[in-house]
Amino acid sequence: MAESPISNNIRKLRFFHDEMTQKELADRVGVTRQTILAIENEKYSPSLELAFRIAAVFDSPLEEVFTYDPDADPVLNKKK
């Protein structure tokens, strides 16, 4: 399985925000706990809207929550 070009700090941010559960975060951003789990485990990349919602919950810039590595992006690194 290819490495995801998007990583995140959601688990760490939840810990530093009164040990917020995945369910609590999911309820605040309008998704299921399973969606938060998949995002945290880098199995699913959130929509831009959801990414902004998550960042807003933590009162953090998007770049503190999510990191994009173009070198790990299989679309950008296709052999031409």
Protein backbone atom coordinates (compact mmCIF):
# COMPACT_ATOMS: atom_id res chain seq x y z
CA MET A 1 0.00 0.00 0.00
CA ALA A 2 1.34 3.43 -0.93
CA GLU A 3 2.18 5.94 1.76
CA SER A 4 -0.33 8.78 2.05
CA PRO A 5 0.99 12.21 1.10
CA ILE A 6 -1.16 13.73 3.87
CA SER A 7 -0.24 13.23 7.50
CA ASN A 8 -1.89 14.74 10.55
CA ASN A 9 -1.51 15.61 14.22
CA ILE A 10 -5.11 14.96 15.21
CA ARG A 11 -4.35 12.39 17.89
CA LYS A 12 -1.81 14.68 19.55
CA LEU A 13 -4.15 17.66 19.31
CA ARG A 14 -7.00 15.66 20.85
CA PHE A 15 -4.73 14.71 23.74
CA PHE A 16 -3.79 18.34 24.37
CA HIS A 17 -7.44 19.43 24.23
CA ASP A 18 -8.57 17.73 27.44
CA GLU A 19 -8.04 14.26 25.96
CA MET A 20 -10.93 14.74 23.54
CA THR A 21 -12.26 11.45 22.24
CA GLN A 22 -12.63 10.58 18.58
CA LYS A 23 -16.39 10.56 19.14
CA GLU A 24 -16.37 14.06 20.63
CA LEU A 25 -14.37 15.39 17.68
CA ALA A 26 -16.60 13.55 15.22
CA ASP A 27 -19.73 15.05 16.78
CA ARG A 28 -18.26 18.56 16.64
CA VAL A 29 -17.35 18.34 12.94
CA GLY A 30 -20.38 16.34 11.79
CA VAL A 31 -18.89 12.97 10.86
CA THR A 32 -18.71 9.50 12.40
CA ARG A 33 -16.08 8.31 14.85
CA GLN A 34 -14.97 5.83 12.18
CA THR A 35 -14.23 8.73 9.82
CA ILE A 36 -12.02 10.40 12.43
CA LEU A 37 -10.29 7.05 13.06
CA ALA A 38 -9.61 6.61 9.33
CA ILE A 39 -8.24 10.16 9.01
CA GLU A 40 -6.00 9.74 12.09
CA ASN A 41 -4.65 6.47 10.69
CA GLU A 42 -4.06 8.12 7.30
CA LYS A 43 -6.40 5.67 5.57
CA TYR A 44 -8.67 8.49 4.40
CA SER A 45 -7.97 12.08 3.36
CA PRO A 46 -10.65 14.51 4.49
CA SER A 47 -12.37 16.97 2.21
CA LEU A 48 -11.04 20.50 2.38
CA GLU A 49 -14.18 21.58 4.23
CA LEU A 50 -13.77 18.84 6.84
CA ALA A 51 -10.07 19.63 7.24
CA PHE A 52 -10.95 23.26 7.99
CA ARG A 53 -13.64 22.18 10.47
CA ILE A 54 -11.16 19.97 12.32
CA ALA A 55 -8.60 22.77 12.44
CA ALA A 56 -11.28 25.16 13.75
CA VAL A 57 -12.18 22.80 16.60
CA PHE A 58 -8.54 22.91 17.72
CA ASP A 59 -8.30 26.66 17.02
CA SER A 60 -5.22 25.88 14.93
CA PRO A 61 -4.09 26.76 11.42
CA LEU A 62 -4.68 24.01 8.88
CA GLU A 63 -0.90 23.52 8.58
CA GLU A 64 -0.66 22.59 12.27
CA VAL A 65 -3.24 19.85 11.84
CA PHE A 66 -2.37 18.48 8.39
CA THR A 67 0.89 18.20 6.48
CA TYR A 68 1.19 17.51 2.76
CA ASP A 69 4.35 15.87 1.38
CA PRO A 70 4.47 16.17 -2.43
CA ASP A 71 7.33 13.64 -2.58
CA ALA A 72 4.96 10.98 -1.21
CA ASP A 73 2.17 11.81 -3.67
CA PRO A 74 1.91 9.02 -6.25
CA VAL A 75 -0.01 11.27 -8.66
CA LEU A 76 2.75 13.88 -8.76
CA ASN A 77 5.48 11.27 -8.94
CA LYS A 78 4.18 9.16 -11.80
CA LYS A 79 6.77 8.20 -14.36
CA LYS A 80 5.96 10.01 -17.56
